[in-house]
Amino acid sequence: MATSAHDLAHLCKLAKLAPDEKTLDKISHQFSDIINYMDTLSEADTAGTEPLYSPVFHESAVREDTAVRRQTPDQILKNAPETDGTYFIVPRIVEGK
């Protein structure tokens, strides 16, 4: 299926592109190649074929989501400049009325 220069110019206008004549000619050939390839793919018999997002099986690289306590509250609070034994003590930054 050949794409006319008029059709391609219209697509470029819709995409807010303004290619020069040389680029427009190059794009026209590439666009026609893509459309022809899609026509070739549409001829393939896909009846009974499940859709895939990838033809390669991918195992999850993400670790299992399990809660693990790595530090105790005492270990966390020991580096704080000031605590009350349970919470961090921080300077007040909002003044009350």
PDB file of N, CA and C in Angstrom:
ATOM      1  N   MET A   1       0.849  -1.181   0.000  1.00  0.00           N
ATOM      2  CA  MET A   1       0.000   0.000   0.000  1.00  0.00           C
ATOM      3  C   MET A   1       0.885   1.231   0.000  1.00  0.00           C
ATOM      4  N   ALA A   2       0.792   2.017  -1.017  1.00  0.00           N
ATOM      5  CA  ALA A   2       1.593   3.235  -1.118  1.00  0.00           C
ATOM      6  C   ALA A   2       0.871   4.370  -0.409  1.00  0.00           C
ATOM      7  N   THR A   3       1.638   5.212   0.224  1.00  0.00           N
ATOM      8  CA  THR A   3       1.086   6.371   0.905  1.00  0.00           C
ATOM      9  C   THR A   3       1.364   7.590   0.046  1.00  0.00           C
ATOM     10  N   SER A   4       0.332   8.342  -0.238  1.00  0.00           N
ATOM     11  CA  SER A   4       0.532   9.515  -1.083  1.00  0.00           C
ATOM     12  C   SER A   4       1.200  10.624  -0.289  1.00  0.00           C
ATOM     13  N   ALA A   5       1.840  11.508  -1.013  1.00  0.00           N
ATOM     14  CA  ALA A   5       2.492  12.652  -0.380  1.00  0.00           C
ATOM     15  C   ALA A   5       1.458  13.522   0.322  1.00  0.00           C
ATOM     16  N   HIS A   6       0.269  13.590  -0.267  1.00  0.00           N
ATOM     17  CA  HIS A   6      -0.808  14.382   0.334  1.00  0.00           C
ATOM     18  C   HIS A   6      -1.216  13.798   1.696  1.00  0.00           C
ATOM     19  N   ASP A   7      -1.368  12.446   1.760  1.00  0.00           N
ATOM     20  CA  ASP A   7      -1.734  11.787   3.014  1.00  0.00           C
ATOM     21  C   ASP A   7      -0.654  11.989   4.074  1.00  0.00           C
ATOM     22  N   LEU A   8       0.580  11.853   3.670  1.00  0.00           N
ATOM     23  CA  LEU A   8       1.686  12.006   4.612  1.00  0.00           C
ATOM     24  C   LEU A   8       1.796  13.448   5.101  1.00  0.00           C
ATOM     25  N   ALA A   9       1.598  14.396   4.207  1.00  0.00           N
ATOM     26  CA  ALA A   9       1.622  15.809   4.604  1.00  0.00           C
ATOM     27  C   ALA A   9       0.502  16.086   5.603  1.00  0.00           C
ATOM     28  N   HIS A  10      -0.656  15.467   5.380  1.00  0.00           N
ATOM     29  CA  HIS A  10      -1.775  15.630   6.314  1.00  0.00           C
ATOM     30  C   HIS A  10      -1.422  15.050   7.688  1.00  0.00           C
ATOM     31  N   LEU A  11      -0.809  13.851   7.711  1.00  0.00           N
ATOM     32  CA  LEU A  11      -0.385  13.249   8.983  1.00  0.00           C
ATOM     33  C   LEU A  11       0.631  14.128   9.702  1.00  0.00           C
ATOM     34  N   CYS A  12       1.567  14.676   8.948  1.00  0.00           N
ATOM     35  CA  CYS A  12       2.576  15.558   9.547  1.00  0.00           C
ATOM     36  C   CYS A  12       1.916  16.794  10.144  1.00  0.00           C
ATOM     37  N   LYS A  13       0.917  17.321   9.452  1.00  0.00           N
ATOM     38  CA  LYS A  13       0.209  18.500   9.965  1.00  0.00           C
ATOM     39  C   LYS A  13      -0.513  18.154  11.262  1.00  0.00           C
ATOM     40  N   LEU A  14      -1.176  16.983  11.308  1.00  0.00           N
ATOM     41  CA  LEU A  14      -1.866  16.559  12.523  1.00  0.00           C
ATOM     42  C   LEU A  14      -0.893  16.371  13.686  1.00  0.00           C
ATOM     43  N   ALA A  15       0.321  15.906  13.369  1.00  0.00           N
ATOM     44  CA  ALA A  15       1.337  15.680  14.400  1.00  0.00           C
ATOM     45  C   ALA A  15       2.144  16.943  14.691  1.00  0.00           C
ATOM     46  N   LYS A  16       1.760  18.052  14.030  1.00  0.00           N
ATOM     47  CA  LYS A  16       2.442  19.339  14.193  1.00  0.00           C
ATOM     48  C   LYS A  16       3.921  19.239  13.849  1.00  0.00           C
ATOM     49  N   LEU A  17       4.194  18.522  12.736  1.00  0.00           N
ATOM     50  CA  LEU A  17       5.544  18.383  12.218  1.00  0.00           C
ATOM     51  C   LEU A  17       5.630  19.142  10.897  1.00  0.00           C
ATOM     52  N   ALA A  18       6.803  19.645  10.609  1.00  0.00           N
ATOM     53  CA  ALA A  18       7.008  20.366   9.351  1.00  0.00           C
ATOM     54  C   ALA A  18       8.317  19.914   8.712  1.00  0.00           C
ATOM     55  N   PRO A  19       8.350  18.661   8.211  1.00  0.00           N
ATOM     56  CA  PRO A  19       9.594  18.176   7.610  1.00  0.00           C
ATOM     57  C   PRO A  19       9.842  18.820   6.249  1.00  0.00           C
ATOM     58  N   ASP A  20      11.129  18.933   5.892  1.00  0.00           N
ATOM     59  CA  ASP A  20      11.455  19.453   4.558  1.00  0.00           C
ATOM     60  C   ASP A  20      11.163  18.364   3.521  1.00  0.00           C
ATOM     61  N   GLU A  21      11.294  18.700   2.251  1.00  0.00           N
ATOM     62  CA  GLU A  21      10.930  17.792   1.156  1.00  0.00           C
ATOM     63  C   GLU A  21      11.750  16.501   1.179  1.00  0.00           C
ATOM     64  N   LYS A  22      13.060  16.607   1.486  1.00  0.00           N
ATOM     65  CA  LYS A  22      13.935  15.421   1.526  1.00  0.00           C
ATOM     66  C   LYS A  22      13.501  14.478   2.650  1.00  0.00           C
ATOM     67  N   THR A  23      13.225  15.036   3.812  1.00  0.00           N
ATOM     68  CA  THR A  23      12.792  14.238   4.958  1.00  0.00           C
ATOM     69  C   THR A  23      11.421  13.635   4.696  1.00  0.00           C
ATOM     70  N   LEU A  24      10.542  14.403   4.080  1.00  0.00           N
ATOM     71  CA  LEU A  24       9.206  13.913   3.760  1.00  0.00           C
ATOM     72  C   LEU A  24       9.279  12.707   2.819  1.00  0.00           C
ATOM     73  N   ASP A  25      10.191  12.741   1.863  1.00  0.00           N
ATOM     74  CA  ASP A  25      10.370  11.625   0.939  1.00  0.00           C
ATOM     75  C   ASP A  25      10.883  10.391   1.690  1.00  0.00           C
ATOM     76  N   LYS A  26      11.842  10.598   2.586  1.00  0.00           N
ATOM     77  CA  LYS A  26      12.398   9.491   3.381  1.00  0.00           C
ATOM     78  C   LYS A  26      11.315   8.893   4.276  1.00  0.00           C
ATOM     79  N   ILE A  27      10.548   9.750   4.938  1.00  0.00           N
ATOM     80  CA  ILE A  27       9.478   9.286   5.824  1.00  0.00           C
ATOM     81  C   ILE A  27       8.433   8.514   5.023  1.00  0.00           C
ATOM     82  N   SER A  28       8.146   8.985   3.827  1.00  0.00           N
ATOM     83  CA  SER A  28       7.151   8.334   2.980  1.00  0.00           C
ATOM     84  C   SER A  28       7.550   6.889   2.691  1.00  0.00           C
ATOM     85  N   HIS A  29       8.811   6.668   2.347  1.00  0.00           N
ATOM     86  CA  HIS A  29       9.292   5.298   2.086  1.00  0.00           C
ATOM     87  C   HIS A  29       9.230   4.446   3.351  1.00  0.00           C
ATOM     88  N   GLN A  30       9.653   5.005   4.482  1.00  0.00           N
ATOM     89  CA  GLN A  30       9.641   4.260   5.731  1.00  0.00           C
ATOM     90  C   GLN A  30       8.208   3.923   6.150  1.00  0.00           C
ATOM     91  N   PHE A  31       7.323   4.889   5.996  1.00  0.00           N
ATOM     92  CA  PHE A  31       5.926   4.688   6.353  1.00  0.00           C
ATOM     93  C   PHE A  31       5.306   3.592   5.491  1.00  0.00           C
ATOM     94  N   SER A  32       5.593   3.606   4.211  1.00  0.00           N
ATOM     95  CA  SER A  32       5.082   2.566   3.305  1.00  0.00           C
ATOM     96  C   SER A  32       5.624   1.192   3.686  1.00  0.00           C
ATOM     97  N   ASP A  33       6.908   1.126   4.060  1.00  0.00           N
ATOM     98  CA  ASP A  33       7.504  -0.151   4.493  1.00  0.00           C
ATOM     99  C   ASP A  33       6.797  -0.684   5.739  1.00  0.00           C
ATOM    100  N   ILE A  34       6.494   0.206   6.681  1.00  0.00           N
ATOM    101  CA  ILE A  34       5.812  -0.200   7.917  1.00  0.00           C
ATOM    102  C   ILE A  34       4.417  -0.728   7.607  1.00  0.00           C
ATOM    103  N   ILE A  35       3.679  -0.007   6.768  1.00  0.00           N
ATOM    104  CA  ILE A  35       2.326  -0.430   6.406  1.00  0.00           C
ATOM    105  C   ILE A  35       2.363  -1.776   5.675  1.00  0.00           C
ATOM    106  N   ASN A  36       3.309  -1.948   4.771  1.00  0.00           N
ATOM    107  CA  ASN A  36       3.433  -3.224   4.054  1.00  0.00           C
ATOM    108  C   ASN A  36       3.757  -4.369   5.008  1.00  0.00           C
ATOM    109  N   TYR A  37       4.605  -4.110   6.002  1.00  0.00           N
ATOM    110  CA  TYR A  37       4.938  -5.138   6.983  1.00  0.00           C
ATOM    111  C   TYR A  37       3.704  -5.502   7.807  1.00  0.00           C
ATOM    112  N   MET A  38       2.909  -4.508   8.185  1.00  0.00           N
ATOM    113  CA  MET A  38       1.689  -4.779   8.939  1.00  0.00           C
ATOM    114  C   MET A  38       0.722  -5.611   8.100  1.00  0.00           C
ATOM    115  N   ASP A  39       0.658  -5.336   6.787  1.00  0.00           N
ATOM    116  CA  ASP A  39      -0.188  -6.150   5.900  1.00  0.00           C
ATOM    117  C   ASP A  39       0.298  -7.595   5.873  1.00  0.00           C
ATOM    118  N   THR A  40       1.612  -7.796   5.860  1.00  0.00           N
ATOM    119  CA  THR A  40       2.182  -9.147   5.883  1.00  0.00           C
ATOM    120  C   THR A  40       1.820  -9.855   7.185  1.00  0.00           C
ATOM    121  N   LEU A  41       1.917  -9.133   8.296  1.00  0.00           N
ATOM    122  CA  LEU A  41       1.583  -9.731   9.592  1.00  0.00           C
ATOM    123  C   LEU A  41       0.104 -10.091   9.682  1.00  0.00           C
ATOM    124  N   SER A  42      -0.756  -9.295   9.048  1.00  0.00           N
ATOM    125  CA  SER A  42      -2.192  -9.560   9.135  1.00  0.00           C
ATOM    126  C   SER A  42      -2.576 -10.839   8.399  1.00  0.00           C
ATOM    127  N   GLU A  43      -1.711 -11.338   7.541  1.00  0.00           N
ATOM    128  CA  GLU A  43      -1.983 -12.577   6.818  1.00  0.00           C
ATOM    129  C   GLU A  43      -1.703 -13.821   7.667  1.00  0.00           C
ATOM    130  N   ALA A  44      -1.019 -13.669   8.764  1.00  0.00           N
ATOM    131  CA  ALA A  44      -0.678 -14.811   9.624  1.00  0.00           C
ATOM    132  C   ALA A  44      -1.935 -15.356  10.293  1.00  0.00           C
ATOM    133  N   ASP A  45      -2.047 -16.685  10.365  1.00  0.00           N
ATOM    134  CA  ASP A  45      -3.186 -17.329  11.014  1.00  0.00           C
ATOM    135  C   ASP A  45      -2.933 -17.355  12.515  1.00  0.00           C
ATOM    136  N   THR A  46      -3.696 -16.583  13.252  1.00  0.00           N
ATOM    137  CA  THR A  46      -3.517 -16.503  14.707  1.00  0.00           C
ATOM    138  C   THR A  46      -4.700 -17.092  15.463  1.00  0.00           C
ATOM    139  N   ALA A  47      -5.548 -17.829  14.780  1.00  0.00           N
ATOM    140  CA  ALA A  47      -6.707 -18.442  15.432  1.00  0.00           C
ATOM    141  C   ALA A  47      -6.229 -19.403  16.515  1.00  0.00           C
ATOM    142  N   GLY A  48      -6.787 -19.284  17.678  1.00  0.00           N
ATOM    143  CA  GLY A  48      -6.430 -20.177  18.778  1.00  0.00           C
ATOM    144  C   GLY A  48      -5.128 -19.820  19.467  1.00  0.00           C
ATOM    145  N   THR A  49      -4.540 -18.697  19.135  1.00  0.00           N
ATOM    146  CA  THR A  49      -3.281 -18.283  19.750  1.00  0.00           C
ATOM    147  C   THR A  49      -3.571 -17.264  20.858  1.00  0.00           C
ATOM    148  N   GLU A  50      -3.054 -17.539  22.030  1.00  0.00           N
ATOM    149  CA  GLU A  50      -3.236 -16.610  23.149  1.00  0.00           C
ATOM    150  C   GLU A  50      -2.366 -15.375  22.944  1.00  0.00           C
ATOM    151  N   PRO A  51      -2.882 -14.186  23.242  1.00  0.00           N
ATOM    152  CA  PRO A  51      -2.053 -12.983  23.121  1.00  0.00           C
ATOM    153  C   PRO A  51      -0.923 -12.991  24.147  1.00  0.00           C
ATOM    154  N   LEU A  52       0.230 -12.465  23.778  1.00  0.00           N
ATOM    155  CA  LEU A  52       1.392 -12.392  24.658  1.00  0.00           C
ATOM    156  C   LEU A  52       1.905 -10.960  24.698  1.00  0.00           C
ATOM    157  N   TYR A  53       2.463 -10.567  25.799  1.00  0.00           N
ATOM    158  CA  TYR A  53       3.155  -9.289  25.829  1.00  0.00           C
ATOM    159  C   TYR A  53       4.609  -9.475  25.441  1.00  0.00           C
ATOM    160  N   SER A  54       5.087 -10.722  25.516  1.00  0.00           N
ATOM    161  CA  SER A  54       6.457 -11.040  25.124  1.00  0.00           C
ATOM    162  C   SER A  54       6.522 -12.523  24.795  1.00  0.00           C
ATOM    163  N   PRO A  55       7.256 -12.895  23.773  1.00  0.00           N
ATOM    164  CA  PRO A  55       7.377 -14.319  23.465  1.00  0.00           C
ATOM    165  C   PRO A  55       8.337 -15.056  24.395  1.00  0.00           C
ATOM    166  N   VAL A  56       8.991 -14.351  25.276  1.00  0.00           N
ATOM    167  CA  VAL A  56       9.960 -14.940  26.195  1.00  0.00           C
ATOM    168  C   VAL A  56       9.361 -14.938  27.599  1.00  0.00           C
ATOM    169  N   PHE A  57       9.464 -16.057  28.310  1.00  0.00           N
ATOM    170  CA  PHE A  57       8.971 -16.126  29.683  1.00  0.00           C
ATOM    171  C   PHE A  57       9.928 -15.369  30.602  1.00  0.00           C
ATOM    172  N   HIS A  58       9.383 -14.477  31.374  1.00  0.00           N
ATOM    173  CA  HIS A  58      10.193 -13.682  32.301  1.00  0.00           C
ATOM    174  C   HIS A  58       9.797 -14.026  33.731  1.00  0.00           C
ATOM    175  N   GLU A  59      10.785 -14.409  34.515  1.00  0.00           N
ATOM    176  CA  GLU A  59      10.515 -14.620  35.925  1.00  0.00           C
ATOM    177  C   GLU A  59      10.630 -13.281  36.626  1.00  0.00           C
ATOM    178  N   SER A  60       9.870 -13.117  37.673  1.00  0.00           N
ATOM    179  CA  SER A  60       9.900 -11.863  38.418  1.00  0.00           C
ATOM    180  C   SER A  60      11.247 -11.696  39.109  1.00  0.00           C
ATOM    181  N   ALA A  61      11.868 -10.556  38.898  1.00  0.00           N
ATOM    182  CA  ALA A  61      13.144 -10.276  39.534  1.00  0.00           C
ATOM    183  C   ALA A  61      12.938  -9.642  40.907  1.00  0.00           C
ATOM    184  N   VAL A  62      11.683  -9.443  41.269  1.00  0.00           N
ATOM    185  CA  VAL A  62      11.366  -8.801  42.537  1.00  0.00           C
ATOM    186  C   VAL A  62      11.309  -9.858  43.628  1.00  0.00           C
ATOM    187  N   ARG A  63      11.887  -9.526  44.758  1.00  0.00           N
ATOM    188  CA  ARG A  63      11.878 -10.477  45.867  1.00  0.00           C
ATOM    189  C   ARG A  63      10.466 -10.583  46.447  1.00  0.00           C
ATOM    190  N   GLU A  64      10.236 -11.641  47.187  1.00  0.00           N
ATOM    191  CA  GLU A  64       8.942 -11.814  47.829  1.00  0.00           C
ATOM    192  C   GLU A  64       8.746 -10.710  48.857  1.00  0.00           C
ATOM    193  N   ASP A  65       7.549 -10.204  48.945  1.00  0.00           N
ATOM    194  CA  ASP A  65       7.254  -9.086  49.835  1.00  0.00           C
ATOM    195  C   ASP A  65       6.935  -9.615  51.228  1.00  0.00           C
ATOM    196  N   THR A  66       7.962  -9.687  52.081  1.00  0.00           N
ATOM    197  CA  THR A  66       7.777 -10.131  53.456  1.00  0.00           C
ATOM    198  C   THR A  66       8.334  -9.075  54.387  1.00  0.00           C
ATOM    199  N   ALA A  67       7.624  -8.858  55.469  1.00  0.00           N
ATOM    200  CA  ALA A  67       8.064  -7.878  56.455  1.00  0.00           C
ATOM    201  C   ALA A  67       9.183  -8.482  57.294  1.00  0.00           C
ATOM    202  N   VAL A  68      10.289  -7.755  57.373  1.00  0.00           N
ATOM    203  CA  VAL A  68      11.430  -8.219  58.151  1.00  0.00           C
ATOM    204  C   VAL A  68      11.919  -7.048  59.000  1.00  0.00           C
ATOM    205  N   ARG A  69      12.020  -7.267  60.303  1.00  0.00           N
ATOM    206  CA  ARG A  69      12.523  -6.222  61.181  1.00  0.00           C
ATOM    207  C   ARG A  69      14.037  -6.362  61.235  1.00  0.00           C
ATOM    208  N   ARG A  70      14.719  -5.388  60.673  1.00  0.00           N
ATOM    209  CA  ARG A  70      16.173  -5.468  60.584  1.00  0.00           C
ATOM    210  C   ARG A  70      16.861  -4.757  61.753  1.00  0.00           C
ATOM    211  N   GLN A  71      16.205  -3.739  62.303  1.00  0.00           N
ATOM    212  CA  GLN A  71      16.782  -3.020  63.439  1.00  0.00           C
ATOM    213  C   GLN A  71      15.720  -2.842  64.516  1.00  0.00           C
ATOM    214  N   THR A  72      16.165  -2.865  65.717  1.00  0.00           N
ATOM    215  CA  THR A  72      15.240  -2.645  66.824  1.00  0.00           C
ATOM    216  C   THR A  72      15.072  -1.150  67.037  1.00  0.00           C
ATOM    217  N   PRO A  73      13.991  -0.737  67.686  1.00  0.00           N
ATOM    218  CA  PRO A  73      13.820   0.694  67.978  1.00  0.00           C
ATOM    219  C   PRO A  73      14.996   1.272  68.762  1.00  0.00           C
ATOM    220  N   ASP A  74      15.575   0.508  69.676  1.00  0.00           N
ATOM    221  CA  ASP A  74      16.726   1.001  70.442  1.00  0.00           C
ATOM    222  C   ASP A  74      17.918   1.281  69.533  1.00  0.00           C
ATOM    223  N   GLN A  75      18.151   0.414  68.538  1.00  0.00           N
ATOM    224  CA  GLN A  75      19.246   0.633  67.604  1.00  0.00           C
ATOM    225  C   GLN A  75      19.009   1.889  66.761  1.00  0.00           C
ATOM    226  N   ILE A  76      17.777   2.126  66.390  1.00  0.00           N
ATOM    227  CA  ILE A  76      17.451   3.308  65.585  1.00  0.00           C
ATOM    228  C   ILE A  76      17.589   4.581  66.424  1.00  0.00           C
ATOM    229  N   LEU A  77      17.100   4.550  67.649  1.00  0.00           N
ATOM    230  CA  LEU A  77      17.111   5.745  68.497  1.00  0.00           C
ATOM    231  C   LEU A  77      18.493   6.085  69.042  1.00  0.00           C
ATOM    232  N   LYS A  78      19.424   5.145  69.057  1.00  0.00           N
ATOM    233  CA  LYS A  78      20.733   5.419  69.664  1.00  0.00           C
ATOM    234  C   LYS A  78      21.527   6.486  68.898  1.00  0.00           C
ATOM    235  N   ASN A  79      21.226   6.718  67.615  1.00  0.00           N
ATOM    236  CA  ASN A  79      21.928   7.739  66.833  1.00  0.00           C
ATOM    237  C   ASN A  79      21.238   9.099  66.858  1.00  0.00           C
ATOM    238  N   ALA A  80      20.079   9.172  67.477  1.00  0.00           N
ATOM    239  CA  ALA A  80      19.338  10.440  67.524  1.00  0.00           C
ATOM    240  C   ALA A  80      19.982  11.381  68.536  1.00  0.00           C
ATOM    241  N   PRO A  81      20.004  12.683  68.224  1.00  0.00           N
ATOM    242  CA  PRO A  81      20.579  13.629  69.183  1.00  0.00           C
ATOM    243  C   PRO A  81      19.787  13.695  70.488  1.00  0.00           C
ATOM    244  N   GLU A  82      18.445  13.484  70.394  1.00  0.00           N
ATOM    245  CA  GLU A  82      17.635  13.547  71.618  1.00  0.00           C
ATOM    246  C   GLU A  82      16.398  12.672  71.440  1.00  0.00           C
ATOM    247  N   THR A  83      16.110  11.843  72.466  1.00  0.00           N
ATOM    248  CA  THR A  83      14.922  10.982  72.434  1.00  0.00           C
ATOM    249  C   THR A  83      14.297  10.965  73.804  1.00  0.00           C
ATOM    250  N   ASP A  84      13.073  10.432  73.866  1.00  0.00           N
ATOM    251  CA  ASP A  84      12.452  10.209  75.171  1.00  0.00           C
ATOM    252  C   ASP A  84      12.415   8.713  75.477  1.00  0.00           C
ATOM    253  N   GLY A  85      13.174   7.941  74.719  1.00  0.00           N
ATOM    254  CA  GLY A  85      13.214   6.501  74.908  1.00  0.00           C
ATOM    255  C   GLY A  85      12.319   5.763  73.918  1.00  0.00           C
ATOM    256  N   THR A  86      11.332   6.465  73.363  1.00  0.00           N
ATOM    257  CA  THR A  86      10.421   5.855  72.393  1.00  0.00           C
ATOM    258  C   THR A  86      10.382   6.640  71.085  1.00  0.00           C
ATOM    259  N   TYR A  87      10.452   7.978  71.190  1.00  0.00           N
ATOM    260  CA  TYR A  87      10.334   8.851  70.034  1.00  0.00           C
ATOM    261  C   TYR A  87      11.535   9.780  69.910  1.00  0.00           C
ATOM    262  N   PHE A  88      11.744  10.303  68.694  1.00  0.00           N
ATOM    263  CA  PHE A  88      12.750  11.340  68.482  1.00  0.00           C
ATOM    264  C   PHE A  88      12.213  12.650  69.059  1.00  0.00           C
ATOM    265  N   ILE A  89      13.079  13.426  69.658  1.00  0.00           N
ATOM    266  CA  ILE A  89      12.724  14.768  70.111  1.00  0.00           C
ATOM    267  C   ILE A  89      13.317  15.728  69.090  1.00  0.00           C
ATOM    268  N   VAL A  90      12.448  16.544  68.480  1.00  0.00           N
ATOM    269  CA  VAL A  90      12.894  17.472  67.442  1.00  0.00           C
ATOM    270  C   VAL A  90      12.477  18.883  67.819  1.00  0.00           C
ATOM    271  N   PRO A  91      13.187  19.891  67.300  1.00  0.00           N
ATOM    272  CA  PRO A  91      12.808  21.269  67.616  1.00  0.00           C
ATOM    273  C   PRO A  91      11.429  21.601  67.033  1.00  0.00           C
ATOM    274  N   ARG A  92      10.700  22.419  67.752  1.00  0.00           N
ATOM    275  CA  ARG A  92       9.392  22.853  67.284  1.00  0.00           C
ATOM    276  C   ARG A  92       9.595  23.829  66.128  1.00  0.00           C
ATOM    277  N   ILE A  93       8.883  23.625  65.019  1.00  0.00           N
ATOM    278  CA  ILE A  93       9.034  24.527  63.884  1.00  0.00           C
ATOM    279  C   ILE A  93       7.770  25.330  63.610  1.00  0.00           C
ATOM    280  N   VAL A  94       6.664  24.959  64.246  1.00  0.00           N
ATOM    281  CA  VAL A  94       5.421  25.719  64.102  1.00  0.00           C
ATOM    282  C   VAL A  94       5.084  26.265  65.469  1.00  0.00           C
ATOM    283  N   GLU A  95       4.898  27.560  65.535  1.00  0.00           N
ATOM    284  CA  GLU A  95       4.591  28.161  66.841  1.00  0.00           C
ATOM    285  C   GLU A  95       3.097  28.183  67.064  1.00  0.00           C
ATOM    286  N   GLY A  96       2.699  27.816  68.257  1.00  0.00           N
ATOM    287  CA  GLY A  96       1.273  27.820  68.616  1.00  0.00           C
ATOM    288  C   GLY A  96       0.818  29.220  68.967  1.00  0.00           C
ATOM    289  N   LYS A  97      -0.493  29.365  69.093  1.00  0.00           N
ATOM    290  CA  LYS A  97      -1.072  30.675  69.422  1.00  0.00           C
ATOM    291  C   LYS A  97      -1.028  30.932  70.890  1.00  0.00           C
TER     292      LYS A  97
END
